[in-house]
Amino acid sequence: MYDLRHTTATLLLSAGENPKIVSERLGHASIVLTLDTYSHVLPSMQRDATNKMEKLLFIRER
């Protein structure tokens, strides 16, 4: 059962789901627990956030 929960959380976070939603689905009392437990997913999320910010600041639509 733990492996299914872990996989679900990892997949949802990797897909960009809001961590608060994932936390609620897992029944965690705090989003901090979710973020601490699944922090291995965060590096790709940080990269994605950087790419989004770059597009907002430097890439203009034609």
PDB file of N, CA and C in Angstrom:
ATOM      1  N   MET A   1       0.820  -1.191   0.000  1.00  0.00           N
ATOM      2  CA  MET A   1       0.000   0.000   0.000  1.00  0.00           C
ATOM      3  C   MET A   1       0.868   1.259   0.000  1.00  0.00           C
ATOM      4  N   TYR A   2       1.953   1.250   0.774  1.00  0.00           N
ATOM      5  CA  TYR A   2       2.840   2.416   0.822  1.00  0.00           C
ATOM      6  C   TYR A   2       3.388   2.737  -0.555  1.00  0.00           C
ATOM      7  N   ASP A   3       3.797   1.710  -1.297  1.00  0.00           N
ATOM      8  CA  ASP A   3       4.360   1.935  -2.628  1.00  0.00           C
ATOM      9  C   ASP A   3       3.354   2.599  -3.564  1.00  0.00           C
ATOM     10  N   LEU A   4       2.086   2.229  -3.458  1.00  0.00           N
ATOM     11  CA  LEU A   4       1.060   2.851  -4.303  1.00  0.00           C
ATOM     12  C   LEU A   4       0.877   4.325  -3.951  1.00  0.00           C
ATOM     13  N   ARG A   5       0.881   4.632  -2.657  1.00  0.00           N
ATOM     14  CA  ARG A   5       0.756   6.027  -2.216  1.00  0.00           C
ATOM     15  C   ARG A   5       1.949   6.851  -2.701  1.00  0.00           C
ATOM     16  N   HIS A   6       3.137   6.273  -2.537  1.00  0.00           N
ATOM     17  CA  HIS A   6       4.362   6.958  -2.934  1.00  0.00           C
ATOM     18  C   HIS A   6       4.370   7.212  -4.445  1.00  0.00           C
ATOM     19  N   THR A   7       3.989   6.207  -5.210  1.00  0.00           N
ATOM     20  CA  THR A   7       3.942   6.349  -6.666  1.00  0.00           C
ATOM     21  C   THR A   7       2.919   7.393  -7.074  1.00  0.00           C
ATOM     22  N   THR A   8       1.755   7.366  -6.457  1.00  0.00           N
ATOM     23  CA  THR A   8       0.712   8.337  -6.761  1.00  0.00           C
ATOM     24  C   THR A   8       1.200   9.753  -6.504  1.00  0.00           C
ATOM     25  N   ALA A   9       1.775   9.977  -5.348  1.00  0.00           N
ATOM     26  CA  ALA A   9       2.263  11.308  -4.996  1.00  0.00           C
ATOM     27  C   ALA A   9       3.367  11.756  -5.948  1.00  0.00           C
ATOM     28  N   THR A  10       4.297  10.878  -6.244  1.00  0.00           N
ATOM     29  CA  THR A  10       5.401  11.206  -7.135  1.00  0.00           C
ATOM     30  C   THR A  10       4.900  11.551  -8.527  1.00  0.00           C
ATOM     31  N   LEU A  11       3.984  10.752  -9.053  1.00  0.00           N
ATOM     32  CA  LEU A  11       3.451  11.013 -10.392  1.00  0.00           C
ATOM     33  C   LEU A  11       2.672  12.321 -10.443  1.00  0.00           C
ATOM     34  N   LEU A  12       1.842  12.560  -9.441  1.00  0.00           N
ATOM     35  CA  LEU A  12       1.057  13.790  -9.437  1.00  0.00           C
ATOM     36  C   LEU A  12       1.946  15.031  -9.335  1.00  0.00           C
ATOM     37  N   LEU A  13       2.928  14.992  -8.443  1.00  0.00           N
ATOM     38  CA  LEU A  13       3.830  16.133  -8.305  1.00  0.00           C
ATOM     39  C   LEU A  13       4.650  16.333  -9.572  1.00  0.00           C
ATOM     40  N   SER A  14       5.101  15.245 -10.167  1.00  0.00           N
ATOM     41  CA  SER A  14       5.874  15.340 -11.412  1.00  0.00           C
ATOM     42  C   SER A  14       5.042  15.912 -12.550  1.00  0.00           C
ATOM     43  N   ALA A  15       3.749  15.660 -12.511  1.00  0.00           N
ATOM     44  CA  ALA A  15       2.846  16.155 -13.554  1.00  0.00           C
ATOM     45  C   ALA A  15       2.432  17.600 -13.302  1.00  0.00           C
ATOM     46  N   GLY A  16       2.922  18.174 -12.212  1.00  0.00           N
ATOM     47  CA  GLY A  16       2.624  19.573 -11.933  1.00  0.00           C
ATOM     48  C   GLY A  16       1.413  19.816 -11.067  1.00  0.00           C
ATOM     49  N   GLU A  17       0.883  18.768 -10.468  1.00  0.00           N
ATOM     50  CA  GLU A  17      -0.271  18.958  -9.593  1.00  0.00           C
ATOM     51  C   GLU A  17       0.139  19.798  -8.384  1.00  0.00           C
ATOM     52  N   ASN A  18      -0.772  20.609  -7.914  1.00  0.00           N
ATOM     53  CA  ASN A  18      -0.521  21.453  -6.753  1.00  0.00           C
ATOM     54  C   ASN A  18      -0.200  20.569  -5.539  1.00  0.00           C
ATOM     55  N   PRO A  19       0.920  20.839  -4.861  1.00  0.00           N
ATOM     56  CA  PRO A  19       1.306  20.016  -3.698  1.00  0.00           C
ATOM     57  C   PRO A  19       0.237  19.969  -2.600  1.00  0.00           C
ATOM     58  N   LYS A  20      -0.539  21.024  -2.454  1.00  0.00           N
ATOM     59  CA  LYS A  20      -1.611  21.031  -1.458  1.00  0.00           C
ATOM     60  C   LYS A  20      -2.660  19.974  -1.790  1.00  0.00           C
ATOM     61  N   ILE A  21      -2.984  19.825  -3.062  1.00  0.00           N
ATOM     62  CA  ILE A  21      -3.952  18.813  -3.491  1.00  0.00           C
ATOM     63  C   ILE A  21      -3.399  17.414  -3.209  1.00  0.00           C
ATOM     64  N   VAL A  22      -2.129  17.203  -3.537  1.00  0.00           N
ATOM     65  CA  VAL A  22      -1.498  15.904  -3.292  1.00  0.00           C
ATOM     66  C   VAL A  22      -1.509  15.608  -1.794  1.00  0.00           C
ATOM     67  N   SER A  23      -1.169  16.590  -0.999  1.00  0.00           N
ATOM     68  CA  SER A  23      -1.153  16.429   0.450  1.00  0.00           C
ATOM     69  C   SER A  23      -2.527  16.012   0.980  1.00  0.00           C
ATOM     70  N   GLU A  24      -3.560  16.667   0.482  1.00  0.00           N
ATOM     71  CA  GLU A  24      -4.926  16.330   0.912  1.00  0.00           C
ATOM     72  C   GLU A  24      -5.301  14.918   0.495  1.00  0.00           C
ATOM     73  N   ARG A  25      -4.931  14.522  -0.717  1.00  0.00           N
ATOM     74  CA  ARG A  25      -5.256  13.166  -1.184  1.00  0.00           C
ATOM     75  C   ARG A  25      -4.583  12.099  -0.324  1.00  0.00           C
ATOM     76  N   LEU A  26      -3.375  12.404   0.138  1.00  0.00           N
ATOM     77  CA  LEU A  26      -2.638  11.451   0.957  1.00  0.00           C
ATOM     78  C   LEU A  26      -3.100  11.456   2.408  1.00  0.00           C
ATOM     79  N   GLY A  27      -3.879  12.471   2.769  1.00  0.00           N
ATOM     80  CA  GLY A  27      -4.356  12.570   4.143  1.00  0.00           C
ATOM     81  C   GLY A  27      -3.315  13.111   5.107  1.00  0.00           C
ATOM     82  N   HIS A  28      -2.314  13.802   4.567  1.00  0.00           N
ATOM     83  CA  HIS A  28      -1.298  14.391   5.429  1.00  0.00           C
ATOM     84  C   HIS A  28      -1.894  15.568   6.193  1.00  0.00           C
ATOM     85  N   ALA A  29      -1.484  15.697   7.444  1.00  0.00           N
ATOM     86  CA  ALA A  29      -1.980  16.794   8.275  1.00  0.00           C
ATOM     87  C   ALA A  29      -1.402  18.128   7.837  1.00  0.00           C
ATOM     88  N   SER A  30      -0.253  18.080   7.164  1.00  0.00           N
ATOM     89  CA  SER A  30       0.425  19.305   6.769  1.00  0.00           C
ATOM     90  C   SER A  30       1.082  19.123   5.407  1.00  0.00           C
ATOM     91  N   ILE A  31       1.066  20.185   4.612  1.00  0.00           N
ATOM     92  CA  ILE A  31       1.730  20.146   3.314  1.00  0.00           C
ATOM     93  C   ILE A  31       3.239  19.996   3.491  1.00  0.00           C
ATOM     94  N   VAL A  32       3.750  20.433   4.640  1.00  0.00           N
ATOM     95  CA  VAL A  32       5.188  20.320   4.911  1.00  0.00           C
ATOM     96  C   VAL A  32       5.613  18.855   4.884  1.00  0.00           C
ATOM     97  N   LEU A  33       4.809  17.986   5.443  1.00  0.00           N
ATOM     98  CA  LEU A  33       5.117  16.549   5.440  1.00  0.00           C
ATOM     99  C   LEU A  33       5.205  16.037   4.003  1.00  0.00           C
ATOM    100  N   THR A  34       4.266  16.438   3.179  1.00  0.00           N
ATOM    101  CA  THR A  34       4.267  16.014   1.776  1.00  0.00           C
ATOM    102  C   THR A  34       5.518  16.501   1.056  1.00  0.00           C
ATOM    103  N   LEU A  35       5.826  17.771   1.207  1.00  0.00           N
ATOM    104  CA  LEU A  35       6.981  18.341   0.514  1.00  0.00           C
ATOM    105  C   LEU A  35       8.294  17.759   1.017  1.00  0.00           C
ATOM    106  N   ASP A  36       8.393  17.504   2.313  1.00  0.00           N
ATOM    107  CA  ASP A  36       9.608  16.886   2.857  1.00  0.00           C
ATOM    108  C   ASP A  36       9.763  15.452   2.365  1.00  0.00           C
ATOM    109  N   THR A  37       8.679  14.727   2.316  1.00  0.00           N
ATOM    110  CA  THR A  37       8.727  13.315   1.927  1.00  0.00           C
ATOM    111  C   THR A  37       9.015  13.139   0.446  1.00  0.00           C
ATOM    112  N   TYR A  38       8.480  14.023  -0.380  1.00  0.00           N
ATOM    113  CA  TYR A  38       8.590  13.856  -1.826  1.00  0.00           C
ATOM    114  C   TYR A  38       9.496  14.908  -2.458  1.00  0.00           C
ATOM    115  N   SER A  39      10.457  15.385  -1.714  1.00  0.00           N
ATOM    116  CA  SER A  39      11.359  16.428  -2.212  1.00  0.00           C
ATOM    117  C   SER A  39      12.204  15.963  -3.394  1.00  0.00           C
ATOM    118  N   HIS A  40      12.341  14.644  -3.585  1.00  0.00           N
ATOM    119  CA  HIS A  40      13.109  14.141  -4.728  1.00  0.00           C
ATOM    120  C   HIS A  40      12.473  14.544  -6.058  1.00  0.00           C
ATOM    121  N   VAL A  41      11.206  14.915  -6.030  1.00  0.00           N
ATOM    122  CA  VAL A  41      10.508  15.328  -7.245  1.00  0.00           C
ATOM    123  C   VAL A  41      10.796  16.802  -7.552  1.00  0.00           C
ATOM    124  N   LEU A  42      11.197  17.561  -6.547  1.00  0.00           N
ATOM    125  CA  LEU A  42      11.320  19.005  -6.683  1.00  0.00           C
ATOM    126  C   LEU A  42      12.363  19.494  -7.681  1.00  0.00           C
ATOM    127  N   PRO A  43      13.506  18.853  -7.878  1.00  0.00           N
ATOM    128  CA  PRO A  43      14.468  19.412  -8.843  1.00  0.00           C
ATOM    129  C   PRO A  43      13.869  19.652 -10.232  1.00  0.00           C
ATOM    130  N   SER A  44      13.099  18.732 -10.732  1.00  0.00           N
ATOM    131  CA  SER A  44      12.488  18.944 -12.050  1.00  0.00           C
ATOM    132  C   SER A  44      11.424  20.037 -11.974  1.00  0.00           C
ATOM    133  N   MET A  45      10.765  20.151 -10.853  1.00  0.00           N
ATOM    134  CA  MET A  45       9.768  21.199 -10.689  1.00  0.00           C
ATOM    135  C   MET A  45      10.443  22.569 -10.648  1.00  0.00           C
ATOM    136  N   GLN A  46      11.620  22.649 -10.038  1.00  0.00           N
ATOM    137  CA  GLN A  46      12.373  23.902 -10.015  1.00  0.00           C
ATOM    138  C   GLN A  46      12.792  24.295 -11.427  1.00  0.00           C
ATOM    139  N   ARG A  47      13.244  23.328 -12.199  1.00  0.00           N
ATOM    140  CA  ARG A  47      13.649  23.588 -13.583  1.00  0.00           C
ATOM    141  C   ARG A  47      12.452  24.076 -14.405  1.00  0.00           C
ATOM    142  N   ASP A  48      11.324  23.435 -14.218  1.00  0.00           N
ATOM    143  CA  ASP A  48      10.113  23.838 -14.939  1.00  0.00           C
ATOM    144  C   ASP A  48       9.703  25.268 -14.570  1.00  0.00           C
ATOM    145  N   ALA A  49       9.803  25.602 -13.291  1.00  0.00           N
ATOM    146  CA  ALA A  49       9.455  26.951 -12.846  1.00  0.00           C
ATOM    147  C   ALA A  49      10.401  27.981 -13.463  1.00  0.00           C
ATOM    148  N   THR A  50      11.684  27.631 -13.541  1.00  0.00           N
ATOM    149  CA  THR A  50      12.662  28.528 -14.162  1.00  0.00           C
ATOM    150  C   THR A  50      12.334  28.744 -15.627  1.00  0.00           C
ATOM    151  N   ASN A  51      11.979  27.688 -16.327  1.00  0.00           N
ATOM    152  CA  ASN A  51      11.620  27.804 -17.746  1.00  0.00           C
ATOM    153  C   ASN A  51      10.378  28.675 -17.942  1.00  0.00           C
ATOM    154  N   LYS A  52       9.404  28.521 -17.063  1.00  0.00           N
ATOM    155  CA  LYS A  52       8.190  29.345 -17.160  1.00  0.00           C
ATOM    156  C   LYS A  52       8.507  30.811 -16.934  1.00  0.00           C
ATOM    157  N   MET A  53       9.356  31.085 -15.936  1.00  0.00           N
ATOM    158  CA  MET A  53       9.723  32.460 -15.635  1.00  0.00           C
ATOM    159  C   MET A  53      10.496  33.081 -16.793  1.00  0.00           C
ATOM    160  N   GLU A  54      11.379  32.300 -17.401  1.00  0.00           N
ATOM    161  CA  GLU A  54      12.139  32.784 -18.552  1.00  0.00           C
ATOM    162  C   GLU A  54      11.199  33.175 -19.689  1.00  0.00           C
ATOM    163  N   LYS A  55      10.209  32.340 -19.955  1.00  0.00           N
ATOM    164  CA  LYS A  55       9.248  32.650 -21.011  1.00  0.00           C
ATOM    165  C   LYS A  55       8.464  33.923 -20.707  1.00  0.00           C
ATOM    166  N   LEU A  56       8.078  34.079 -19.446  1.00  0.00           N
ATOM    167  CA  LEU A  56       7.322  35.269 -19.062  1.00  0.00           C
ATOM    168  C   LEU A  56       8.154  36.540 -19.221  1.00  0.00           C
ATOM    169  N   LEU A  57       9.438  36.457 -18.918  1.00  0.00           N
ATOM    170  CA  LEU A  57      10.271  37.647 -18.922  1.00  0.00           C
ATOM    171  C   LEU A  57      10.934  37.961 -20.258  1.00  0.00           C
ATOM    172  N   PHE A  58      11.318  36.934 -20.998  1.00  0.00           N
ATOM    173  CA  PHE A  58      12.209  37.161 -22.135  1.00  0.00           C
ATOM    174  C   PHE A  58      11.670  36.750 -23.503  1.00  0.00           C
ATOM    175  N   ILE A  59      10.656  35.963 -23.556  1.00  0.00           N
ATOM    176  CA  ILE A  59      10.147  35.507 -24.846  1.00  0.00           C
ATOM    177  C   ILE A  59       8.825  36.209 -25.118  1.00  0.00           C
ATOM    178  N   ARG A  60       8.834  36.992 -26.158  1.00  0.00           N
ATOM    179  CA  ARG A  60       7.626  37.744 -26.504  1.00  0.00           C
ATOM    180  C   ARG A  60       6.883  37.040 -27.633  1.00  0.00           C
ATOM    181  N   GLU A  61       5.588  37.080 -27.538  1.00  0.00           N
ATOM    182  CA  GLU A  61       4.784  36.501 -28.612  1.00  0.00           C
ATOM    183  C   GLU A  61       4.833  37.426 -29.826  1.00  0.00           C
ATOM    184  N   ARG A  62       4.766  36.856 -30.985  1.00  0.00           N
ATOM    185  CA  ARG A  62       4.837  37.634 -32.230  1.00  0.00           C
ATOM    186  C   ARG A  62       3.489  37.850 -32.814  1.00  0.00           C
TER     187      ARG A  62
END
